[in-house]
Amino acid sequence: MFKPSETEKIKKTVKDFFNFLGITSPIKIEEINSDTIKLSFWAEEAPFFIGERGETLVETQNLLKKIIAKQLGRHLFVDLDINNYKEKKAKYLEDLARTAADQVTLTKKPQSLKPMWSWERRIIHAVLTDRHNVYSQSTGHGNQRHIVIYPS
């Protein structure tokens, strides 16, 4: 867990950061483990803060992580979610993984999924680890990195 002084720094930084952006709704801050915090809030302007394919959300998360890490003087991971976007996206990705795996099993042909963020690819891989009739592999570089599902 974080030291009480670190927790206070995190809370102040998060509050100041989002106040600067005009977010006044309460922000839930959860300590997941000794180097991970989860931030979540509800905003009317969610599409603006999430962006296309979650790009703005991911970049905001990365920026906030760097700001907090610099203040604390150590590495940490920040998981930012707005209006439960990531939770809804995770459920969608789980369904996508199962559907694509079923299609690959029926056709016996590999299927490529669209490019995804690393956290999205992790969800797909995790869902498919229990499937013995298919396997998944990430391929490509940068913002073109995607998953290919193969028959076993």
C-alpha atoms as a PDB file:
ATOM      1  CA  MET A   1       0.000   0.000   0.000  1.00  0.00           C
ATOM      2  CA  PHE A   2       0.984   3.603  -0.405  1.00  0.00           C
ATOM      3  CA  LYS A   3       2.330   5.596   2.525  1.00  0.00           C
ATOM      4  CA  PRO A   4      -0.194   8.074   3.961  1.00  0.00           C
ATOM      5  CA  SER A   5       1.928  10.978   2.676  1.00  0.00           C
ATOM      6  CA  GLU A   6       1.927   9.444  -0.824  1.00  0.00           C
ATOM      7  CA  THR A   7      -1.831   8.930  -0.721  1.00  0.00           C
ATOM      8  CA  GLU A   8      -2.364  12.591   0.169  1.00  0.00           C
ATOM      9  CA  LYS A   9      -0.047  13.719  -2.654  1.00  0.00           C
ATOM     10  CA  ILE A  10      -1.922  11.495  -5.104  1.00  0.00           C
ATOM     11  CA  LYS A  11      -5.328  12.802  -4.012  1.00  0.00           C
ATOM     12  CA  LYS A  12      -4.208  16.430  -4.267  1.00  0.00           C
ATOM     13  CA  THR A  13      -2.549  15.926  -7.650  1.00  0.00           C
ATOM     14  CA  VAL A  14      -5.563  14.110  -9.088  1.00  0.00           C
ATOM     15  CA  LYS A  15      -7.972  16.748  -7.774  1.00  0.00           C
ATOM     16  CA  ASP A  16      -5.856  19.642  -9.099  1.00  0.00           C
ATOM     17  CA  PHE A  17      -5.356  17.926 -12.469  1.00  0.00           C
ATOM     18  CA  PHE A  18      -9.060  17.321 -13.092  1.00  0.00           C
ATOM     19  CA  ASN A  19     -10.145  20.672 -11.654  1.00  0.00           C
ATOM     20  CA  PHE A  20      -7.818  22.287 -14.207  1.00  0.00           C
ATOM     21  CA  LEU A  21      -9.668  20.320 -16.922  1.00  0.00           C
ATOM     22  CA  GLY A  22     -13.036  21.464 -15.566  1.00  0.00           C
ATOM     23  CA  ILE A  23     -14.036  18.159 -13.968  1.00  0.00           C
ATOM     24  CA  THR A  24     -15.797  18.872 -10.701  1.00  0.00           C
ATOM     25  CA  SER A  25     -17.484  15.507 -10.123  1.00  0.00           C
ATOM     26  CA  PRO A  26     -16.138  13.313  -7.313  1.00  0.00           C
ATOM     27  CA  ILE A  27     -13.202  11.132  -8.316  1.00  0.00           C
ATOM     28  CA  LYS A  28     -12.958   7.676  -6.810  1.00  0.00           C
ATOM     29  CA  ILE A  29      -9.382   6.706  -5.968  1.00  0.00           C
ATOM     30  CA  GLU A  30      -8.646   3.061  -5.159  1.00  0.00           C
ATOM     31  CA  GLU A  31      -5.312   1.565  -4.198  1.00  0.00           C
ATOM     32  CA  ILE A  32      -5.093  -1.755  -6.009  1.00  0.00           C
ATOM     33  CA  ASN A  33      -1.635  -2.725  -4.730  1.00  0.00           C
ATOM     34  CA  SER A  34       1.656  -1.090  -3.728  1.00  0.00           C
ATOM     35  CA  ASP A  35       2.206   0.456  -7.155  1.00  0.00           C
ATOM     36  CA  THR A  36      -1.248   0.698  -8.774  1.00  0.00           C
ATOM     37  CA  ILE A  37      -4.091   3.143  -8.318  1.00  0.00           C
ATOM     38  CA  LYS A  38      -7.434   3.137 -10.059  1.00  0.00           C
ATOM     39  CA  LEU A  39      -9.200   6.416 -10.742  1.00  0.00           C
ATOM     40  CA  SER A  40     -12.789   6.648 -11.895  1.00  0.00           C
ATOM     41  CA  PHE A  41     -15.417   9.342 -12.256  1.00  0.00           C
ATOM     42  CA  TRP A  42     -18.568  10.298 -14.123  1.00  0.00           C
ATOM     43  CA  ALA A  43     -18.561  13.228 -16.548  1.00  0.00           C
ATOM     44  CA  GLU A  44     -21.172  14.707 -18.883  1.00  0.00           C
ATOM     45  CA  GLU A  45     -18.375  15.419 -21.365  1.00  0.00           C
ATOM     46  CA  ALA A  46     -17.200  11.786 -21.376  1.00  0.00           C
ATOM     47  CA  PRO A  47     -16.841  11.461 -25.175  1.00  0.00           C
ATOM     48  CA  PHE A  48     -14.449  14.429 -25.151  1.00  0.00           C
ATOM     49  CA  PHE A  49     -12.328  12.889 -22.376  1.00  0.00           C
ATOM     50  CA  ILE A  50     -12.448   9.352 -23.800  1.00  0.00           C
ATOM     51  CA  GLY A  51     -11.807  10.210 -27.457  1.00  0.00           C
ATOM     52  CA  GLU A  52     -11.966   7.968 -30.482  1.00  0.00           C
ATOM     53  CA  ARG A  53     -11.114   4.347 -29.565  1.00  0.00           C
ATOM     54  CA  GLY A  54     -10.248   5.579 -26.050  1.00  0.00           C
ATOM     55  CA  GLU A  55      -7.154   7.430 -27.282  1.00  0.00           C
ATOM     56  CA  THR A  56      -7.670  10.542 -25.146  1.00  0.00           C
ATOM     57  CA  LEU A  57      -8.407   8.404 -22.094  1.00  0.00           C
ATOM     58  CA  VAL A  58      -5.171   6.418 -22.525  1.00  0.00           C
ATOM     59  CA  GLU A  59      -3.064   9.527 -23.124  1.00  0.00           C
ATOM     60  CA  THR A  60      -4.617  11.295 -20.116  1.00  0.00           C
ATOM     61  CA  GLN A  61      -3.889   8.205 -18.019  1.00  0.00           C
ATOM     62  CA  ASN A  62      -0.246   8.210 -19.185  1.00  0.00           C
ATOM     63  CA  LEU A  63       0.179  11.924 -18.507  1.00  0.00           C
ATOM     64  CA  LEU A  64      -1.307  11.629 -15.032  1.00  0.00           C
ATOM     65  CA  LYS A  65       0.929   8.614 -14.311  1.00  0.00           C
ATOM     66  CA  LYS A  66       4.030  10.628 -15.225  1.00  0.00           C
ATOM     67  CA  ILE A  67       2.970  13.602 -13.107  1.00  0.00           C
ATOM     68  CA  ILE A  68       2.249  11.465 -10.038  1.00  0.00           C
ATOM     69  CA  ALA A  69       5.381   9.335 -10.487  1.00  0.00           C
ATOM     70  CA  LYS A  70       7.529  12.462 -10.643  1.00  0.00           C
ATOM     71  CA  GLN A  71       5.954  13.830  -7.454  1.00  0.00           C
ATOM     72  CA  LEU A  72       6.365  10.540  -5.593  1.00  0.00           C
ATOM     73  CA  GLY A  73       9.812   9.850  -6.996  1.00  0.00           C
ATOM     74  CA  ARG A  74       8.918   6.303  -7.977  1.00  0.00           C
ATOM     75  CA  HIS A  75       7.167   4.294 -10.668  1.00  0.00           C
ATOM     76  CA  LEU A  76       3.463   3.536 -10.391  1.00  0.00           C
ATOM     77  CA  PHE A  77       0.622   2.494 -12.642  1.00  0.00           C
ATOM     78  CA  VAL A  78      -2.537   4.565 -13.031  1.00  0.00           C
ATOM     79  CA  ASP A  79      -5.732   2.962 -14.333  1.00  0.00           C
ATOM     80  CA  LEU A  80      -8.174   5.707 -15.366  1.00  0.00           C
ATOM     81  CA  ASP A  81     -11.799   4.985 -16.233  1.00  0.00           C
ATOM     82  CA  ILE A  82     -14.468   7.516 -17.163  1.00  0.00           C
ATOM     83  CA  ASN A  83     -18.187   6.643 -17.092  1.00  0.00           C
ATOM     84  CA  ASN A  84     -17.252   2.935 -16.831  1.00  0.00           C
ATOM     85  CA  TYR A  85     -15.878   3.042 -20.394  1.00  0.00           C
ATOM     86  CA  LYS A  86     -13.187   0.429 -19.736  1.00  0.00           C
ATOM     87  CA  GLU A  87     -15.580  -1.885 -17.921  1.00  0.00           C
ATOM     88  CA  LYS A  88     -18.058  -1.757 -20.817  1.00  0.00           C
ATOM     89  CA  LYS A  89     -15.242  -2.139 -23.345  1.00  0.00           C
ATOM     90  CA  ALA A  90     -13.874  -5.176 -21.475  1.00  0.00           C
ATOM     91  CA  LYS A  91     -17.252  -6.941 -21.691  1.00  0.00           C
ATOM     92  CA  TYR A  92     -17.440  -6.144 -25.408  1.00  0.00           C
ATOM     93  CA  LEU A  93     -13.906  -7.489 -25.960  1.00  0.00           C
ATOM     94  CA  GLU A  94     -14.667 -10.696 -24.050  1.00  0.00           C
ATOM     95  CA  ASP A  95     -17.671 -11.292 -26.311  1.00  0.00           C
ATOM     96  CA  LEU A  96     -15.596 -10.426 -29.391  1.00  0.00           C
ATOM     97  CA  ALA A  97     -12.901 -12.918 -28.373  1.00  0.00           C
ATOM     98  CA  ARG A  98     -15.420 -15.736 -27.895  1.00  0.00           C
ATOM     99  CA  THR A  99     -17.226 -14.980 -31.154  1.00  0.00           C
ATOM    100  CA  ALA A 100     -13.995 -14.763 -33.166  1.00  0.00           C
ATOM    101  CA  ALA A 101     -12.700 -17.985 -31.578  1.00  0.00           C
ATOM    102  CA  ASP A 102     -15.937 -19.755 -32.464  1.00  0.00           C
ATOM    103  CA  GLN A 103     -15.613 -18.503 -36.053  1.00  0.00           C
ATOM    104  CA  VAL A 104     -11.999 -19.707 -36.273  1.00  0.00           C
ATOM    105  CA  THR A 105     -13.017 -23.102 -34.872  1.00  0.00           C
ATOM    106  CA  LEU A 106     -15.747 -23.457 -37.506  1.00  0.00           C
ATOM    107  CA  THR A 107     -13.786 -22.225 -40.522  1.00  0.00           C
ATOM    108  CA  LYS A 108     -10.337 -23.515 -39.460  1.00  0.00           C
ATOM    109  CA  LYS A 109      -8.945 -20.215 -40.816  1.00  0.00           C
ATOM    110  CA  PRO A 110      -7.047 -17.551 -38.828  1.00  0.00           C
ATOM    111  CA  GLN A 111      -8.897 -14.349 -38.097  1.00  0.00           C
ATOM    112  CA  SER A 112      -7.306 -10.932 -37.588  1.00  0.00           C
ATOM    113  CA  LEU A 113      -8.889  -8.457 -35.223  1.00  0.00           C
ATOM    114  CA  LYS A 114      -8.612  -4.696 -35.583  1.00  0.00           C
ATOM    115  CA  PRO A 115      -5.690  -2.838 -33.945  1.00  0.00           C
ATOM    116  CA  MET A 116      -6.080  -2.429 -30.186  1.00  0.00           C
ATOM    117  CA  TRP A 117      -4.413  -0.898 -27.155  1.00  0.00           C
ATOM    118  CA  SER A 118      -2.272  -3.247 -25.068  1.00  0.00           C
ATOM    119  CA  TRP A 119      -4.859  -3.396 -22.263  1.00  0.00           C
ATOM    120  CA  GLU A 120      -7.492  -4.441 -24.812  1.00  0.00           C
ATOM    121  CA  ARG A 121      -5.253  -7.136 -26.308  1.00  0.00           C
ATOM    122  CA  ARG A 122      -4.550  -8.496 -22.800  1.00  0.00           C
ATOM    123  CA  ILE A 123      -8.294  -9.046 -22.328  1.00  0.00           C
ATOM    124  CA  ILE A 124      -8.580 -10.964 -25.612  1.00  0.00           C
ATOM    125  CA  HIS A 125      -5.547 -13.143 -24.807  1.00  0.00           C
ATOM    126  CA  ALA A 126      -6.849 -13.834 -21.287  1.00  0.00           C
ATOM    127  CA  VAL A 127     -10.259 -14.957 -22.546  1.00  0.00           C
ATOM    128  CA  LEU A 128      -8.679 -17.295 -25.086  1.00  0.00           C
ATOM    129  CA  THR A 129      -6.188 -18.961 -22.727  1.00  0.00           C
ATOM    130  CA  ASP A 130      -8.841 -21.475 -21.644  1.00  0.00           C
ATOM    131  CA  ARG A 131      -9.745 -22.380 -25.227  1.00  0.00           C
ATOM    132  CA  HIS A 132      -7.870 -25.464 -26.429  1.00  0.00           C
ATOM    133  CA  ASN A 133      -9.091 -25.279 -30.016  1.00  0.00           C
ATOM    134  CA  VAL A 134      -7.570 -21.830 -30.747  1.00  0.00           C
ATOM    135  CA  TYR A 135      -4.611 -19.680 -29.757  1.00  0.00           C
ATOM    136  CA  SER A 136      -3.955 -15.964 -30.128  1.00  0.00           C
ATOM    137  CA  GLN A 137      -0.893 -13.957 -31.038  1.00  0.00           C
ATOM    138  CA  SER A 138      -0.255 -10.201 -31.169  1.00  0.00           C
ATOM    139  CA  THR A 139       1.374  -8.948 -34.329  1.00  0.00           C
ATOM    140  CA  GLY A 140       2.225  -5.616 -35.949  1.00  0.00           C
ATOM    141  CA  HIS A 141       3.874  -2.514 -34.549  1.00  0.00           C
ATOM    142  CA  GLY A 142       2.765   0.697 -32.862  1.00  0.00           C
ATOM    143  CA  ASN A 143      -0.837   1.695 -33.386  1.00  0.00           C
ATOM    144  CA  GLN A 144      -1.235  -1.143 -35.923  1.00  0.00           C
ATOM    145  CA  ARG A 145      -0.591  -3.898 -33.322  1.00  0.00           C
ATOM    146  CA  HIS A 146      -3.453  -6.371 -33.419  1.00  0.00           C
ATOM    147  CA  ILE A 147      -4.374  -9.946 -32.547  1.00  0.00           C
ATOM    148  CA  VAL A 148      -4.608 -12.906 -34.892  1.00  0.00           C
ATOM    149  CA  ILE A 149      -6.569 -15.912 -33.678  1.00  0.00           C
ATOM    150  CA  TYR A 150      -5.423 -19.261 -35.092  1.00  0.00           C
ATOM    151  CA  PRO A 151      -6.962 -22.730 -34.992  1.00  0.00           C
ATOM    152  CA  SER A 152      -4.960 -25.222 -32.890  1.00  0.00           C
END
